[in-house]
């Protein structure tokens, strides 16, 4: 009898599988959802979603005020995501590096929680079409599918 079972959820109150990030050859632990109180967690989740929407905003919608707001949100997430990160190292991080931290942290916590995905996330995960559909695959097509065999033409 096979004892391998697929579990919908495997919880532990004693261990937290932490990811790590290395900055200037120093390894830091990444926070996990269990590190936060509910209010903190919701604030970080909201900040991550707001940052993603600002990043995806059209060029004409990127005002200096929104850019400053994005930077504040990214700073909040980075400071919360990397445990024990000294201020002097945080201050050296470039914008792209902060974005990378926000991205992996957001992916890690939403993946662990298995929460609902946004339409944008679903579209990004959808497999790419191998190519354009033929006219007979189109729902509007009146073309007959090709037949096989030896029928007179």
Protein backbone atom coordinates (compact mmCIF):
# COMPACT_ATOMS: atom_id res chain seq x y z
CA UNK A 1 0.00 0.00 0.00
CA UNK A 2 1.35 3.42 -0.96
CA UNK A 3 1.45 5.89 1.97
CA UNK A 4 2.34 8.86 -0.23
CA UNK A 5 -0.63 11.18 -0.08
CA UNK A 6 -1.19 14.51 -1.70
CA UNK A 7 -2.04 17.07 0.95
CA UNK A 8 -3.97 20.21 0.24
CA UNK A 9 -2.18 21.91 3.11
CA UNK A 10 0.87 20.94 5.13
CA UNK A 11 1.14 23.18 8.20
CA UNK A 12 3.77 23.34 10.89
CA UNK A 13 3.72 25.44 14.03
CA UNK A 14 7.39 24.73 14.68
CA UNK A 15 9.22 25.45 11.45
CA UNK A 16 9.22 28.17 8.87
CA UNK A 17 10.84 27.47 5.53
CA UNK A 18 12.71 30.70 4.94
CA UNK A 19 14.19 31.91 1.72
CA UNK A 20 17.40 33.88 1.85
CA UNK A 21 18.85 36.82 0.01
CA UNK A 22 22.50 37.69 -0.32
CA UNK A 23 23.62 41.31 -0.44
CA UNK A 24 27.32 42.16 -0.65
CA UNK A 25 28.20 38.58 0.36
CA UNK A 26 26.06 38.72 3.53
CA UNK A 27 23.10 36.33 3.74
CA UNK A 28 19.84 37.67 5.18
CA UNK A 29 16.68 35.75 6.02
CA UNK A 30 13.52 36.70 4.16
CA UNK A 31 10.39 37.19 6.22
CA UNK A 32 7.58 34.65 6.01
CA UNK A 33 3.88 35.38 6.48
CA UNK A 34 4.01 33.93 10.00
CA UNK A 35 6.36 36.75 11.04
CA UNK A 36 3.59 39.33 10.79
CA UNK A 37 0.50 40.21 12.74
CA UNK A 38 -2.64 40.35 10.63
CA UNK A 39 -2.61 44.15 10.33
CA UNK A 40 1.05 44.20 9.25
CA UNK A 41 0.48 41.42 6.77
CA UNK A 42 -2.53 43.14 5.21
CA UNK A 43 -0.58 46.41 4.98
CA UNK A 44 2.29 44.66 3.18
CA UNK A 45 -0.05 42.78 0.85
CA UNK A 46 -1.83 46.03 0.03
CA UNK A 47 1.49 47.82 -0.50
CA UNK A 48 2.67 45.09 -2.85
CA UNK A 49 -0.54 45.24 -4.89
CA UNK A 50 -0.42 49.05 -5.02
CA UNK A 51 3.21 48.96 -6.11
CA UNK A 52 2.40 46.45 -8.87
CA UNK A 53 -0.45 48.61 -10.16
CA UNK A 54 1.73 51.72 -10.15
CA UNK A 55 4.51 49.89 -11.95
CA UNK A 56 2.05 48.72 -14.58
CA UNK A 57 0.51 52.17 -15.02
CA UNK A 58 0.65 53.82 -18.41
CA UNK A 59 3.47 56.30 -18.91
CA UNK A 60 1.12 59.29 -18.86
CA UNK A 61 -0.25 58.14 -15.49
CA UNK A 62 3.20 58.10 -13.83
CA UNK A 63 3.18 61.44 -12.07
CA UNK A 64 5.92 62.58 -9.69
CA UNK A 65 3.46 62.10 -6.82
CA UNK A 66 2.71 58.51 -7.87
CA UNK A 67 6.40 57.80 -8.38
CA UNK A 68 7.13 59.03 -4.84
CA UNK A 69 4.26 56.88 -3.55
CA UNK A 70 5.70 53.85 -5.35
CA UNK A 71 9.12 54.44 -3.77
CA UNK A 72 7.55 54.64 -0.29
CA UNK A 73 5.67 51.39 -0.86
CA UNK A 74 8.75 49.62 -2.16
CA UNK A 75 10.81 50.84 0.81
CA UNK A 76 8.17 49.57 3.24
CA UNK A 77 8.12 46.13 1.63
CA UNK A 78 11.93 45.84 1.38
CA UNK A 79 12.45 46.83 5.02
CA UNK A 80 9.83 44.30 6.10
CA UNK A 81 10.94 41.53 3.75
CA UNK A 82 14.65 41.36 4.63
CA UNK A 83 15.14 40.52 8.28
CA UNK A 84 17.97 42.35 10.04
CA UNK A 85 18.87 44.54 7.06
CA UNK A 86 21.06 47.40 8.33
CA UNK A 87 20.05 50.94 7.31
CA UNK A 88 23.39 51.60 5.62
CA UNK A 89 22.93 48.57 3.35
CA UNK A 90 19.29 49.49 2.66
CA UNK A 91 20.42 52.98 1.65
CA UNK A 92 22.84 51.50 -0.90
CA UNK A 93 20.18 49.44 -2.68
CA UNK A 94 19.33 50.68 -6.15
CA UNK A 95 15.74 51.05 -7.32
CA UNK A 96 15.98 47.94 -9.52
CA UNK A 97 17.33 45.91 -6.60
CA UNK A 98 14.45 47.07 -4.41
CA UNK A 99 12.01 46.11 -7.13
CA UNK A 100 13.58 42.64 -7.31
CA UNK A 101 13.15 42.20 -3.55
CA UNK A 102 9.52 43.38 -3.71
CA UNK A 103 8.83 41.01 -6.58
CA UNK A 104 10.28 37.87 -4.98
CA UNK A 105 8.79 38.67 -1.58
CA UNK A 106 5.33 39.24 -3.05
CA UNK A 107 5.56 36.03 -5.07
CA UNK A 108 6.74 34.08 -2.03
CA UNK A 109 3.99 35.20 0.32
CA UNK A 110 1.15 34.97 -2.16
CA UNK A 111 2.38 31.55 -3.29
CA UNK A 112 2.50 30.29 0.28
CA UNK A 113 -0.97 31.55 0.99
CA UNK A 114 -2.40 30.27 -2.26
CA UNK A 115 -4.72 33.22 -2.42
CA UNK A 116 -6.78 34.17 -5.41
CA UNK A 117 -4.79 35.43 -8.34
CA UNK A 118 -5.48 38.68 -10.14
CA UNK A 119 -6.50 38.62 -13.78
CA UNK A 120 -3.04 39.99 -14.65
CA UNK A 121 -1.34 37.10 -12.82
CA UNK A 122 -3.55 34.58 -14.61
CA UNK A 123 -2.74 36.11 -18.00
CA UNK A 124 0.98 36.06 -17.26
CA UNK A 125 0.83 32.38 -16.32
CA UNK A 126 -1.30 31.33 -19.31
CA UNK A 127 0.63 29.21 -21.78
CA UNK A 128 1.44 31.00 -24.98
CA UNK A 129 -0.39 29.97 -28.10
CA UNK A 130 1.84 28.03 -30.50
CA UNK A 131 0.80 30.35 -33.31
CA UNK A 132 -2.17 31.92 -35.01
CA UNK A 133 -5.27 29.81 -35.35
CA UNK A 134 -6.16 28.59 -38.78
CA UNK A 135 -9.34 29.94 -40.25
CA UNK A 136 -11.10 26.62 -39.67
CA UNK A 137 -10.37 26.88 -35.91
CA UNK A 138 -12.11 30.23 -35.76
CA UNK A 139 -15.62 30.14 -34.34
CA UNK A 140 -16.69 32.43 -37.20
CA UNK A 141 -15.29 30.14 -39.88
CA UNK A 142 -17.57 28.63 -42.50
CA UNK A 143 -14.70 26.66 -44.03
CA UNK A 144 -15.17 22.90 -43.94
CA UNK A 145 -12.45 20.93 -42.17
CA UNK A 146 -10.26 18.89 -44.52
CA UNK A 147 -11.33 15.33 -45.05
CA UNK A 148 -9.14 12.28 -45.20
CA UNK A 149 -9.37 9.39 -47.53
CA UNK A 150 -9.86 9.21 -51.27
CA UNK A 151 -12.89 11.27 -52.07
CA UNK A 152 -13.33 12.75 -55.52
CA UNK A 153 -12.42 16.39 -55.79
